[in-house]
Amino acid sequence: MNEFVNELNDYVKDVLGYDPDAHPVDNTIRNTLPLILRNKYAFYDAVLEDHQLVIAVNVNDENTPADQLRKQLDMVYKAFGKHVVYVTNRLKSYNRKRFINKKIAFIVPGKQMYIPYMMIDLQDFGLKGAKRPEAMTPSIQYMLLYHLLIESLESLPLNIIAEKLNVGPMTITRAAAYMQDEINVCRVEGTREKNLVFHMDGSALWKKVEPYMATPVKKTIFVTDFLNLPEYRITNVNALANYTNIAGDNRHYMAMADFQFNELLKNKTIKDYGDQDGETAIETWKYDPVGLTRNQFVDPLSLYLVFRDDPGERIQIAINQMLEDIKW
């Protein structure tokens, strides 16, 4: 830890021209914090210009959703009465954007410093000009999840993949180009008949592609009565209860493709609905959840993406346990 703090001091000094003199905080105040925060962070007093700060170093280098981190840092602020800067050794690109949107001050030594109340926003020293991949489309996300969960697409001709996923050939061609050129997880081989060769598989592939994926949920609609519809999967906390030991909910949670929900509206299968409350919550998804699972529950990887930014500690523990239980 001392080595990391020295790296932090050197980085700030190189960029801003002065030593922040980060040193451990008074344990009297530190010990008033909840145990989970004391285990997760090492706390240091520091000075940037004329600002007295507390540096919260992520000891375990765990990924923390923005909303959850915001609440944790607010607790630290209330305890010490000083602005708090979150420090981590690495930060995924999607979290970086969310931290900035929520005005969370953070430092990634050697890469980026963002402290909004000091008007500091210095990005990617030594990495300028690096191309950042575009966000993954739902069709590409579905294709990768299908490959990870249902059936390997390794070495299959692209036209066969299009048939399996029930999409057009141009959609698969664009997906293959994205996976090869943007995120570098496979290469496209062949001349007349092209196919995919992946550079990694299983958990390694998931860890590579997960930062570029988004929640599959487009919107959530509530209906007053329980609907026993054929083309849906159980989702949300009730699906999480199936994969983990977290408690489910009395409300019914259903996931279906957005186009299927629109069909139900068109043929008036669903009439009375709204966006506030009801016995059944219907999540309309950007892709069809039915094709990614062999049981009545949504698949665990999509479910992880549904809850990835949930601030609840119990939810975060559960979804990470769910990932660990996957037999890749």
C-alpha atoms as a PDB file:
ATOM      1  CA  MET A   1       0.000   0.000   0.000  1.00  0.00           C
ATOM      2  CA  ASN A   2       2.863   2.391   0.808  1.00  0.00           C
ATOM      3  CA  GLU A   3       4.217   1.870  -2.694  1.00  0.00           C
ATOM      4  CA  PHE A   4       0.848   2.749  -4.191  1.00  0.00           C
ATOM      5  CA  VAL A   5       0.569   5.906  -2.060  1.00  0.00           C
ATOM      6  CA  ASN A   6       4.065   6.934  -3.161  1.00  0.00           C
ATOM      7  CA  GLU A   7       2.932   6.423  -6.749  1.00  0.00           C
ATOM      8  CA  LEU A   8      -0.092   8.632  -6.048  1.00  0.00           C
ATOM      9  CA  ASN A   9       2.063  11.368  -4.491  1.00  0.00           C
ATOM     10  CA  ASP A  10       4.474  11.251  -7.439  1.00  0.00           C
ATOM     11  CA  TYR A  11       1.644  11.386  -9.978  1.00  0.00           C
ATOM     12  CA  VAL A  12       0.004  14.415  -8.374  1.00  0.00           C
ATOM     13  CA  LYS A  13       3.372  16.140  -8.045  1.00  0.00           C
ATOM     14  CA  ASP A  14       4.240  15.482 -11.695  1.00  0.00           C
ATOM     15  CA  VAL A  15       0.883  16.780 -12.933  1.00  0.00           C
ATOM     16  CA  LEU A  16       0.111  19.657 -10.552  1.00  0.00           C
ATOM     17  CA  GLY A  17       3.615  20.595  -9.458  1.00  0.00           C
ATOM     18  CA  TYR A  18       3.300  20.027  -5.705  1.00  0.00           C
ATOM     19  CA  ASP A  19       3.370  17.140  -3.245  1.00  0.00           C
ATOM     20  CA  PRO A  20      -0.057  16.281  -1.725  1.00  0.00           C
ATOM     21  CA  ASP A  21       1.721  14.708   1.260  1.00  0.00           C
ATOM     22  CA  ALA A  22      -0.806  11.868   1.605  1.00  0.00           C
ATOM     23  CA  HIS A  23      -0.513  10.276   5.054  1.00  0.00           C
ATOM     24  CA  PRO A  24      -2.805   8.018   7.146  1.00  0.00           C
ATOM     25  CA  VAL A  25      -5.810   9.650   8.799  1.00  0.00           C
ATOM     26  CA  ASP A  26      -6.516   9.803  12.513  1.00  0.00           C
ATOM     27  CA  ASN A  27      -7.834   6.367  13.522  1.00  0.00           C
ATOM     28  CA  THR A  28     -10.209   7.951  16.046  1.00  0.00           C
ATOM     29  CA  ILE A  29     -12.391   9.251  13.228  1.00  0.00           C
ATOM     30  CA  ARG A  30     -11.699   6.326  10.928  1.00  0.00           C
ATOM     31  CA  ASN A  31     -13.020   3.877  13.527  1.00  0.00           C
ATOM     32  CA  THR A  32     -16.412   5.587  13.512  1.00  0.00           C
ATOM     33  CA  LEU A  33     -16.976   4.418   9.926  1.00  0.00           C
ATOM     34  CA  PRO A  34     -18.854   1.168   9.189  1.00  0.00           C
ATOM     35  CA  LEU A  35     -16.647  -1.933   9.077  1.00  0.00           C
ATOM     36  CA  ILE A  36     -17.364  -2.494   5.386  1.00  0.00           C
ATOM     37  CA  LEU A  37     -15.805   0.895   4.543  1.00  0.00           C
ATOM     38  CA  ARG A  38     -12.808   0.348   6.815  1.00  0.00           C
ATOM     39  CA  ASN A  39     -12.142  -2.987   5.096  1.00  0.00           C
ATOM     40  CA  LYS A  40     -12.638  -1.650   1.587  1.00  0.00           C
ATOM     41  CA  TYR A  41     -10.641   1.583   1.777  1.00  0.00           C
ATOM     42  CA  ALA A  42      -7.395   2.917   3.180  1.00  0.00           C
ATOM     43  CA  PHE A  43      -7.869   6.568   4.187  1.00  0.00           C
ATOM     44  CA  TYR A  44      -5.258   9.317   3.901  1.00  0.00           C
ATOM     45  CA  ASP A  45      -5.215  13.016   4.638  1.00  0.00           C
ATOM     46  CA  ALA A  46      -3.868  15.131   1.797  1.00  0.00           C
ATOM     47  CA  VAL A  47      -3.606  18.736   0.679  1.00  0.00           C
ATOM     48  CA  LEU A  48      -4.183  19.893  -2.897  1.00  0.00           C
ATOM     49  CA  GLU A  49      -3.523  23.620  -3.264  1.00  0.00           C
ATOM     50  CA  ASP A  50      -5.398  24.999  -0.236  1.00  0.00           C
ATOM     51  CA  HIS A  51      -7.915  22.145  -0.062  1.00  0.00           C
ATOM     52  CA  GLN A  52      -7.825  19.706   2.842  1.00  0.00           C
ATOM     53  CA  LEU A  53      -8.929  16.331   1.436  1.00  0.00           C
ATOM     54  CA  VAL A  54      -9.419  12.722   2.423  1.00  0.00           C
ATOM     55  CA  ILE A  55      -8.075  10.174  -0.035  1.00  0.00           C
ATOM     56  CA  ALA A  56     -10.064   6.905  -0.106  1.00  0.00           C
ATOM     57  CA  VAL A  57      -7.896   4.211  -1.703  1.00  0.00           C
ATOM     58  CA  ASN A  58      -9.726   1.126  -2.966  1.00  0.00           C
ATOM     59  CA  VAL A  59      -7.725  -1.578  -1.205  1.00  0.00           C
ATOM     60  CA  ASN A  60      -9.181  -4.606  -2.995  1.00  0.00           C
ATOM     61  CA  ASP A  61      -9.428  -2.959  -6.412  1.00  0.00           C
ATOM     62  CA  GLU A  62     -13.086  -3.992  -6.597  1.00  0.00           C
ATOM     63  CA  ASN A  63     -15.461  -2.580  -9.177  1.00  0.00           C
ATOM     64  CA  THR A  64     -18.012  -0.348  -7.394  1.00  0.00           C
ATOM     65  CA  PRO A  65     -21.133   1.013  -9.125  1.00  0.00           C
ATOM     66  CA  ALA A  66     -21.344   4.806  -9.244  1.00  0.00           C
ATOM     67  CA  ASP A  67     -24.482   5.153  -7.111  1.00  0.00           C
ATOM     68  CA  GLN A  68     -23.090   2.870  -4.411  1.00  0.00           C
ATOM     69  CA  LEU A  69     -19.726   4.673  -4.414  1.00  0.00           C
ATOM     70  CA  ARG A  70     -21.478   8.049  -4.156  1.00  0.00           C
ATOM     71  CA  LYS A  71     -23.246   6.919  -0.963  1.00  0.00           C
ATOM     72  CA  GLN A  72     -20.055   5.478   0.524  1.00  0.00           C
ATOM     73  CA  LEU A  73     -18.053   8.639  -0.127  1.00  0.00           C
ATOM     74  CA  ASP A  74     -20.851  10.774   1.347  1.00  0.00           C
ATOM     75  CA  MET A  75     -20.527   8.747   4.570  1.00  0.00           C
ATOM     76  CA  VAL A  76     -16.760   9.397   4.595  1.00  0.00           C
ATOM     77  CA  TYR A  77     -17.360  13.108   3.982  1.00  0.00           C
ATOM     78  CA  LYS A  78     -19.759  13.321   6.929  1.00  0.00           C
ATOM     79  CA  ALA A  79     -17.264  11.543   9.199  1.00  0.00           C
ATOM     80  CA  PHE A  80     -14.202  13.641   8.335  1.00  0.00           C
ATOM     81  CA  GLY A  81     -15.859  16.906   7.276  1.00  0.00           C
ATOM     82  CA  LYS A  82     -13.613  17.103   4.200  1.00  0.00           C
ATOM     83  CA  HIS A  83     -14.024  16.532   0.495  1.00  0.00           C
ATOM     84  CA  VAL A  84     -13.203  12.949  -0.480  1.00  0.00           C
ATOM     85  CA  VAL A  85     -11.252  11.760  -3.524  1.00  0.00           C
ATOM     86  CA  TYR A  86     -11.632   8.139  -4.604  1.00  0.00           C
ATOM     87  CA  VAL A  87      -8.382   6.492  -5.730  1.00  0.00           C
ATOM     88  CA  THR A  88      -8.088   3.218  -7.601  1.00  0.00           C
ATOM     89  CA  ASN A  89      -5.422   1.448  -9.598  1.00  0.00           C
ATOM     90  CA  ARG A  90      -7.752   0.935 -12.565  1.00  0.00           C
ATOM     91  CA  LEU A  91     -11.133   2.165 -13.692  1.00  0.00           C
ATOM     92  CA  LYS A  92     -13.315   0.728 -16.423  1.00  0.00           C
ATOM     93  CA  SER A  93     -14.289   3.190 -19.131  1.00  0.00           C
ATOM     94  CA  TYR A  94     -18.043   2.916 -18.488  1.00  0.00           C
ATOM     95  CA  ASN A  95     -17.531   3.647 -14.765  1.00  0.00           C
ATOM     96  CA  ARG A  96     -15.304   6.612 -15.581  1.00  0.00           C
ATOM     97  CA  LYS A  97     -18.140   8.249 -17.494  1.00  0.00           C
ATOM     98  CA  ARG A  98     -20.662   7.524 -14.731  1.00  0.00           C
ATOM     99  CA  PHE A  99     -18.334   8.885 -12.029  1.00  0.00           C
ATOM    100  CA  ILE A 100     -17.930  12.116 -13.981  1.00  0.00           C
ATOM    101  CA  ASN A 101     -21.679  12.381 -14.535  1.00  0.00           C
ATOM    102  CA  LYS A 102     -22.221  12.074 -10.762  1.00  0.00           C
ATOM    103  CA  LYS A 103     -19.365  14.488  -9.942  1.00  0.00           C
ATOM    104  CA  ILE A 104     -17.388  11.834  -8.062  1.00  0.00           C
ATOM    105  CA  ALA A 105     -13.813  13.025  -7.592  1.00  0.00           C
ATOM    106  CA  PHE A 106     -11.320  10.302  -8.481  1.00  0.00           C
ATOM    107  CA  ILE A 107      -7.689   9.665  -9.332  1.00  0.00           C
ATOM    108  CA  VAL A 108      -6.206   6.790 -11.304  1.00  0.00           C
ATOM    109  CA  PRO A 109      -2.467   7.325 -10.792  1.00  0.00           C
ATOM    110  CA  GLY A 110      -0.645   7.682 -14.087  1.00  0.00           C
ATOM    111  CA  LYS A 111      -3.876   7.968 -16.100  1.00  0.00           C
ATOM    112  CA  GLN A 112      -6.493  10.428 -14.913  1.00  0.00           C
ATOM    113  CA  MET A 113      -7.390  12.960 -12.263  1.00  0.00           C
ATOM    114  CA  TYR A 114     -10.911  14.354 -11.935  1.00  0.00           C
ATOM    115  CA  ILE A 115     -11.684  16.687  -9.012  1.00  0.00           C
ATOM    116  CA  PRO A 116     -14.655  18.836 -10.044  1.00  0.00           C
ATOM    117  CA  TYR A 117     -14.732  21.156  -7.013  1.00  0.00           C
ATOM    118  CA  MET A 118     -11.132  22.136  -7.848  1.00  0.00           C
ATOM    119  CA  MET A 119     -11.862  22.445 -11.572  1.00  0.00           C
ATOM    120  CA  ILE A 120      -9.358  19.640 -12.307  1.00  0.00           C
ATOM    121  CA  ASP A 121     -10.093  17.304 -15.220  1.00  0.00           C
ATOM    122  CA  LEU A 122      -6.855  15.821 -16.535  1.00  0.00           C
ATOM    123  CA  GLN A 123      -7.262  12.694 -18.637  1.00  0.00           C
ATOM    124  CA  ASP A 124      -5.175   9.753 -19.773  1.00  0.00           C
ATOM    125  CA  PHE A 125      -1.626  11.087 -19.577  1.00  0.00           C
ATOM    126  CA  GLY A 126       0.483   9.050 -21.951  1.00  0.00           C
ATOM    127  CA  LEU A 127      -2.639   7.531 -23.534  1.00  0.00           C
ATOM    128  CA  LYS A 128      -3.862  10.447 -25.642  1.00  0.00           C
ATOM    129  CA  GLY A 129      -4.992   9.502 -29.092  1.00  0.00           C
ATOM    130  CA  ALA A 130      -5.985   5.973 -28.119  1.00  0.00           C
ATOM    131  CA  LYS A 131      -9.157   4.941 -29.926  1.00  0.00           C
ATOM    132  CA  ARG A 132     -12.047   4.031 -27.679  1.00  0.00           C
ATOM    133  CA  PRO A 133     -14.540   1.447 -28.906  1.00  0.00           C
ATOM    134  CA  GLU A 134     -18.074   2.506 -29.641  1.00  0.00           C
ATOM    135  CA  ALA A 135     -20.854   1.211 -27.414  1.00  0.00           C
ATOM    136  CA  MET A 136     -22.014  -2.302 -28.186  1.00  0.00           C
ATOM    137  CA  THR A 137     -25.363  -2.623 -29.976  1.00  0.00           C
ATOM    138  CA  PRO A 138     -28.050  -4.958 -28.547  1.00  0.00           C
ATOM    139  CA  SER A 139     -27.601  -7.372 -31.471  1.00  0.00           C
ATOM    140  CA  ILE A 140     -23.852  -7.685 -30.821  1.00  0.00           C
ATOM    141  CA  GLN A 141     -24.488  -8.097 -27.104  1.00  0.00           C
ATOM    142  CA  TYR A 142     -27.025 -10.823 -27.791  1.00  0.00           C
ATOM    143  CA  MET A 143     -24.614 -12.602 -30.139  1.00  0.00           C
ATOM    144  CA  LEU A 144     -21.807 -12.635 -27.559  1.00  0.00           C
ATOM    145  CA  LEU A 145     -24.114 -13.781 -24.766  1.00  0.00           C
ATOM    146  CA  TYR A 146     -25.448 -16.559 -26.994  1.00  0.00           C
ATOM    147  CA  HIS A 147     -21.859 -17.644 -27.677  1.00  0.00           C
ATOM    148  CA  LEU A 148     -21.018 -17.592 -23.954  1.00  0.00           C
ATOM    149  CA  LEU A 149     -24.176 -19.236 -22.652  1.00  0.00           C
ATOM    150  CA  ILE A 150     -25.938 -21.351 -25.267  1.00  0.00           C
ATOM    151  CA  GLU A 151     -23.705 -22.529 -28.088  1.00  0.00           C
ATOM    152  CA  SER A 152     -20.214 -21.755 -29.299  1.00  0.00           C
ATOM    153  CA  LEU A 153     -20.118 -19.755 -32.521  1.00  0.00           C
ATOM    154  CA  GLU A 154     -16.443 -20.595 -33.013  1.00  0.00           C
ATOM    155  CA  SER A 155     -15.595 -21.382 -36.654  1.00  0.00           C
ATOM    156  CA  LEU A 156     -19.238 -21.273 -37.781  1.00  0.00           C
ATOM    157  CA  PRO A 157     -19.909 -19.533 -41.113  1.00  0.00           C
ATOM    158  CA  LEU A 158     -21.453 -16.110 -40.630  1.00  0.00           C
ATOM    159  CA  ASN A 159     -24.560 -17.058 -42.606  1.00  0.00           C
ATOM    160  CA  ILE A 160     -25.178 -19.995 -40.240  1.00  0.00           C
ATOM    161  CA  ILE A 161     -24.795 -17.681 -37.251  1.00  0.00           C
ATOM    162  CA  ALA A 162     -27.351 -15.327 -38.818  1.00  0.00           C
ATOM    163  CA  GLU A 163     -29.809 -18.206 -39.152  1.00  0.00           C
ATOM    164  CA  LYS A 164     -29.269 -19.362 -35.569  1.00  0.00           C
ATOM    165  CA  LEU A 165     -29.832 -15.877 -34.186  1.00  0.00           C
ATOM    166  CA  ASN A 166     -32.639 -15.062 -36.609  1.00  0.00           C
ATOM    167  CA  VAL A 167     -31.028 -11.857 -37.861  1.00  0.00           C
ATOM    168  CA  GLY A 168     -29.983 -10.552 -41.233  1.00  0.00           C
ATOM    169  CA  PRO A 169     -26.553 -11.273 -42.720  1.00  0.00           C
ATOM    170  CA  MET A 170     -25.542  -7.590 -42.607  1.00  0.00           C
ATOM    171  CA  THR A 171     -26.207  -7.512 -38.862  1.00  0.00           C
ATOM    172  CA  ILE A 172     -23.819 -10.423 -38.347  1.00  0.00           C
ATOM    173  CA  THR A 173     -21.224  -8.884 -40.689  1.00  0.00           C
ATOM    174  CA  ARG A 174     -21.282  -5.636 -38.722  1.00  0.00           C
ATOM    175  CA  ALA A 175     -21.103  -7.555 -35.432  1.00  0.00           C
ATOM    176  CA  ALA A 176     -18.087  -9.519 -36.609  1.00  0.00           C
ATOM    177  CA  ALA A 177     -16.337  -6.318 -37.694  1.00  0.00           C
ATOM    178  CA  TYR A 178     -16.998  -4.710 -34.316  1.00  0.00           C
ATOM    179  CA  MET A 179     -15.688  -7.710 -32.382  1.00  0.00           C
ATOM    180  CA  GLN A 180     -12.578  -7.872 -34.545  1.00  0.00           C
ATOM    181  CA  ASP A 181     -11.731  -4.198 -35.067  1.00  0.00           C
ATOM    182  CA  GLU A 182     -13.202  -2.411 -32.047  1.00  0.00           C
ATOM    183  CA  ILE A 183     -12.793  -4.731 -29.059  1.00  0.00           C
ATOM    184  CA  ASN A 184     -10.378  -7.304 -30.505  1.00  0.00           C
ATOM    185  CA  VAL A 185     -11.948 -10.485 -29.159  1.00  0.00           C
ATOM    186  CA  CYS A 186     -11.928 -12.452 -32.409  1.00  0.00           C
ATOM    187  CA  ARG A 187     -10.771 -12.442 -35.996  1.00  0.00           C
ATOM    188  CA  VAL A 188     -12.735 -13.081 -39.150  1.00  0.00           C
ATOM    189  CA  GLU A 189     -11.251 -15.804 -41.348  1.00  0.00           C
ATOM    190  CA  GLY A 190     -12.086 -17.177 -44.758  1.00  0.00           C
ATOM    191  CA  THR A 191     -12.602 -15.732 -48.206  1.00  0.00           C
ATOM    192  CA  ARG A 192     -15.856 -16.938 -49.731  1.00  0.00           C
ATOM    193  CA  GLU A 193     -17.225 -18.368 -46.487  1.00  0.00           C
ATOM    194  CA  LYS A 194     -16.228 -16.251 -43.492  1.00  0.00           C
ATOM    195  CA  ASN A 195     -16.207 -17.486 -39.902  1.00  0.00           C
ATOM    196  CA  LEU A 196     -15.181 -16.332 -36.440  1.00  0.00           C
ATOM    197  CA  VAL A 197     -12.139 -17.422 -34.445  1.00  0.00           C
ATOM    198  CA  PHE A 198     -12.193 -16.120 -30.865  1.00  0.00           C
ATOM    199  CA  HIS A 199      -9.005 -15.087 -29.073  1.00  0.00           C
ATOM    200  CA  MET A 200     -10.387 -16.111 -25.667  1.00  0.00           C
ATOM    201  CA  ASP A 201     -13.385 -17.849 -24.208  1.00  0.00           C
ATOM    202  CA  GLY A 202     -15.402 -18.308 -21.023  1.00  0.00           C
ATOM    203  CA  SER A 203     -14.775 -15.942 -18.149  1.00  0.00           C
ATOM    204  CA  ALA A 204     -11.852 -14.259 -19.943  1.00  0.00           C
ATOM    205  CA  LEU A 205     -14.116 -13.301 -22.837  1.00  0.00           C
ATOM    206  CA  TRP A 206     -16.844 -12.106 -20.472  1.00  0.00           C
ATOM    207  CA  LYS A 207     -14.425  -9.869 -18.561  1.00  0.00           C
ATOM    208  CA  LYS A 208     -13.222  -8.404 -21.836  1.00  0.00           C
ATOM    209  CA  VAL A 209     -16.665  -7.600 -23.285  1.00  0.00           C
ATOM    210  CA  GLU A 210     -18.693  -6.774 -20.159  1.00  0.00           C
ATOM    211  CA  PRO A 211     -17.549  -3.110 -19.929  1.00  0.00           C
ATOM    212  CA  TYR A 212     -19.007  -2.446 -23.392  1.00  0.00           C
ATOM    213  CA  MET A 213     -22.352  -4.040 -22.604  1.00  0.00           C
ATOM    214  CA  ALA A 214     -25.453  -2.265 -21.298  1.00  0.00           C
ATOM    215  CA  THR A 215     -28.548  -3.233 -19.375  1.00  0.00           C
ATOM    216  CA  PRO A 216     -30.950  -5.075 -21.674  1.00  0.00           C
ATOM    217  CA  VAL A 217     -33.957  -3.320 -20.110  1.00  0.00           C
ATOM    218  CA  LYS A 218     -35.538  -0.706 -22.352  1.00  0.00           C
ATOM    219  CA  LYS A 219     -38.418   0.199 -20.034  1.00  0.00           C
ATOM    220  CA  THR A 220     -40.481  -1.257 -17.190  1.00  0.00           C
ATOM    221  CA  ILE A 221     -44.265  -1.312 -17.327  1.00  0.00           C
ATOM    222  CA  PHE A 222     -46.619  -2.248 -14.501  1.00  0.00           C
ATOM    223  CA  VAL A 223     -49.941  -4.035 -14.957  1.00  0.00           C
ATOM    224  CA  THR A 224     -52.583  -4.576 -12.315  1.00  0.00           C
ATOM    225  CA  ASP A 225     -53.044  -8.331 -12.729  1.00  0.00           C
ATOM    226  CA  PHE A 226     -50.736 -11.316 -13.177  1.00  0.00           C
ATOM    227  CA  LEU A 227     -50.464 -12.287 -16.831  1.00  0.00           C
ATOM    228  CA  ASN A 228     -49.542 -15.831 -17.806  1.00  0.00           C
ATOM    229  CA  LEU A 229     -47.943 -15.086 -21.151  1.00  0.00           C
ATOM    230  CA  PRO A 230     -46.047 -17.729 -23.163  1.00  0.00           C
ATOM    231  CA  GLU A 231     -43.070 -15.712 -24.430  1.00  0.00           C
ATOM    232  CA  TYR A 232     -41.472 -14.321 -21.288  1.00  0.00           C
ATOM    233  CA  ARG A 233     -38.867 -15.163 -18.671  1.00  0.00           C
ATOM    234  CA  ILE A 234     -38.809 -14.423 -14.932  1.00  0.00           C
ATOM    235  CA  THR A 235     -36.484 -11.521 -14.246  1.00  0.00           C
ATOM    236  CA  ASN A 236     -35.268  -8.992 -11.694  1.00  0.00           C
ATOM    237  CA  VAL A 237     -35.007  -9.982  -8.025  1.00  0.00           C
ATOM    238  CA  ASN A 238     -37.089 -13.137  -8.511  1.00  0.00           C
ATOM    239  CA  ALA A 239     -34.576 -14.405 -11.057  1.00  0.00           C
ATOM    240  CA  LEU A 240     -31.740 -13.391  -8.754  1.00  0.00           C
ATOM    241  CA  ALA A 241     -33.412 -15.455  -6.011  1.00  0.00           C
ATOM    242  CA  ASN A 242     -33.170 -18.467  -8.316  1.00  0.00           C
ATOM    243  CA  TYR A 243     -29.422 -18.039  -8.845  1.00  0.00           C
ATOM    244  CA  THR A 244     -28.490 -16.943  -5.304  1.00  0.00           C
ATOM    245  CA  ASN A 245     -29.812 -17.072  -1.746  1.00  0.00           C
ATOM    246  CA  ILE A 246     -31.288 -13.561  -1.877  1.00  0.00           C
ATOM    247  CA  ALA A 247     -35.014 -13.324  -1.097  1.00  0.00           C
ATOM    248  CA  GLY A 248     -37.491 -12.903  -3.933  1.00  0.00           C
ATOM    249  CA  ASP A 249     -40.445 -10.511  -4.173  1.00  0.00           C
ATOM    250  CA  ASN A 250     -44.206 -11.004  -4.092  1.00  0.00           C
ATOM    251  CA  ARG A 251     -44.488  -8.961  -7.266  1.00  0.00           C
ATOM    252  CA  HIS A 252     -44.241 -10.851 -10.551  1.00  0.00           C
ATOM    253  CA  TYR A 253     -41.329  -9.760 -12.759  1.00  0.00           C
ATOM    254  CA  MET A 254     -41.506 -10.664 -16.433  1.00  0.00           C
ATOM    255  CA  ALA A 255     -38.999  -9.975 -19.213  1.00  0.00           C
ATOM    256  CA  MET A 256     -39.850 -10.022 -22.901  1.00  0.00           C
ATOM    257  CA  ALA A 257     -38.559  -8.510 -26.104  1.00  0.00           C
ATOM    258  CA  ASP A 258     -39.814  -4.989 -26.743  1.00  0.00           C
ATOM    259  CA  PHE A 259     -41.378  -5.998 -30.060  1.00  0.00           C
ATOM    260  CA  GLN A 260     -43.342  -8.737 -28.285  1.00  0.00           C
ATOM    261  CA  PHE A 261     -44.741  -6.276 -25.781  1.00  0.00           C
ATOM    262  CA  ASN A 262     -45.810  -4.000 -28.627  1.00  0.00           C
ATOM    263  CA  GLU A 263     -47.619  -6.938 -30.203  1.00  0.00           C
ATOM    264  CA  LEU A 264     -49.466  -7.553 -26.935  1.00  0.00           C
ATOM    265  CA  LEU A 265     -50.567  -3.936 -26.919  1.00  0.00           C
ATOM    266  CA  LYS A 266     -51.617  -4.130 -30.542  1.00  0.00           C
ATOM    267  CA  ASN A 267     -53.818  -7.200 -30.047  1.00  0.00           C
ATOM    268  CA  LYS A 268     -55.076  -5.795 -26.705  1.00  0.00           C
ATOM    269  CA  THR A 269     -53.801  -8.690 -24.595  1.00  0.00           C
ATOM    270  CA  ILE A 270     -52.494  -5.961 -22.297  1.00  0.00           C
ATOM    271  CA  LYS A 271     -54.889  -3.072 -21.733  1.00  0.00           C
ATOM    272  CA  ASP A 272     -54.458  -1.565 -18.288  1.00  0.00           C
ATOM    273  CA  TYR A 273     -50.851  -0.608 -17.612  1.00  0.00           C
ATOM    274  CA  GLY A 274     -48.694   2.253 -16.374  1.00  0.00           C
ATOM    275  CA  ASP A 275     -45.217   3.192 -15.204  1.00  0.00           C
ATOM    276  CA  GLN A 276     -45.805   3.455 -11.441  1.00  0.00           C
ATOM    277  CA  ASP A 277     -47.135   0.376  -9.688  1.00  0.00           C
ATOM    278  CA  GLY A 278     -48.917  -2.928 -10.211  1.00  0.00           C
ATOM    279  CA  GLU A 279     -48.937  -6.610  -9.313  1.00  0.00           C
ATOM    280  CA  THR A 280     -46.824  -7.484 -12.359  1.00  0.00           C
ATOM    281  CA  ALA A 281     -43.771  -5.632 -13.633  1.00  0.00           C
ATOM    282  CA  ILE A 282     -42.929  -6.223 -17.281  1.00  0.00           C
ATOM    283  CA  GLU A 283     -39.403  -5.404 -18.386  1.00  0.00           C
ATOM    284  CA  THR A 284     -39.242  -4.859 -22.130  1.00  0.00           C
ATOM    285  CA  TRP A 285     -35.803  -5.873 -23.360  1.00  0.00           C
ATOM    286  CA  LYS A 286     -33.722  -4.698 -26.287  1.00  0.00           C
ATOM    287  CA  TYR A 287     -33.281  -8.336 -27.305  1.00  0.00           C
ATOM    288  CA  ASP A 288     -35.310 -11.496 -26.763  1.00  0.00           C
ATOM    289  CA  PRO A 289     -34.474 -13.030 -23.347  1.00  0.00           C
ATOM    290  CA  VAL A 290     -36.021 -16.367 -24.324  1.00  0.00           C
ATOM    291  CA  GLY A 291     -33.181 -17.307 -26.661  1.00  0.00           C
ATOM    292  CA  LEU A 292     -30.485 -16.986 -24.004  1.00  0.00           C
ATOM    293  CA  THR A 293     -31.757 -19.454 -21.435  1.00  0.00           C
ATOM    294  CA  ARG A 294     -33.019 -23.015 -21.266  1.00  0.00           C
ATOM    295  CA  ASN A 295     -35.267 -22.471 -18.243  1.00  0.00           C
ATOM    296  CA  GLN A 296     -37.942 -20.031 -17.099  1.00  0.00           C
ATOM    297  CA  PHE A 297     -35.483 -17.449 -15.768  1.00  0.00           C
ATOM    298  CA  VAL A 298     -33.505 -14.821 -17.659  1.00  0.00           C
ATOM    299  CA  ASP A 299     -29.855 -15.710 -18.179  1.00  0.00           C
ATOM    300  CA  PRO A 300     -27.376 -14.789 -15.405  1.00  0.00           C
ATOM    301  CA  LEU A 301     -25.174 -12.529 -17.532  1.00  0.00           C
ATOM    302  CA  SER A 302     -28.057 -10.344 -18.707  1.00  0.00           C
ATOM    303  CA  LEU A 303     -29.348 -10.322 -15.137  1.00  0.00           C
ATOM    304  CA  TYR A 304     -25.944  -9.129 -13.940  1.00  0.00           C
ATOM    305  CA  LEU A 305     -26.198  -6.238 -16.413  1.00  0.00           C
ATOM    306  CA  VAL A 306     -29.688  -5.411 -15.123  1.00  0.00           C
ATOM    307  CA  PHE A 307     -28.345  -4.999 -11.577  1.00  0.00           C
ATOM    308  CA  ARG A 308     -24.783  -3.850 -12.305  1.00  0.00           C
ATOM    309  CA  ASP A 309     -25.418  -0.256 -11.193  1.00  0.00           C
ATOM    310  CA  ASP A 310     -27.766  -1.071  -8.329  1.00  0.00           C
ATOM    311  CA  PRO A 311     -26.514   0.700  -5.168  1.00  0.00           C
ATOM    312  CA  GLY A 312     -27.716  -2.029  -2.787  1.00  0.00           C
ATOM    313  CA  GLU A 313     -24.885  -3.898  -1.057  1.00  0.00           C
ATOM    314  CA  ARG A 314     -26.895  -7.145  -0.838  1.00  0.00           C
ATOM    315  CA  ILE A 315     -27.628  -6.952  -4.559  1.00  0.00           C
ATOM    316  CA  GLN A 316     -23.959  -6.393  -5.398  1.00  0.00           C
ATOM    317  CA  ILE A 317     -22.879  -9.340  -3.258  1.00  0.00           C
ATOM    318  CA  ALA A 318     -25.530 -11.535  -4.875  1.00  0.00           C
ATOM    319  CA  ILE A 319     -24.732 -10.688  -8.503  1.00  0.00           C
ATOM    320  CA  ASN A 320     -21.015 -11.207  -7.980  1.00  0.00           C
ATOM    321  CA  GLN A 321     -21.724 -14.567  -6.341  1.00  0.00           C
ATOM    322  CA  MET A 322     -23.930 -15.421  -9.315  1.00  0.00           C
ATOM    323  CA  LEU A 323     -21.022 -14.761 -11.688  1.00  0.00           C
ATOM    324  CA  GLU A 324     -18.684 -16.897  -9.602  1.00  0.00           C
ATOM    325  CA  ASP A 325     -21.140 -19.808  -9.774  1.00  0.00           C
ATOM    326  CA  ILE A 326     -21.269 -19.865 -13.576  1.00  0.00           C
ATOM    327  CA  LYS A 327     -19.678 -22.980 -15.053  1.00  0.00           C
ATOM    328  CA  TRP A 328     -17.931 -21.487 -18.051  1.00  0.00           C
END
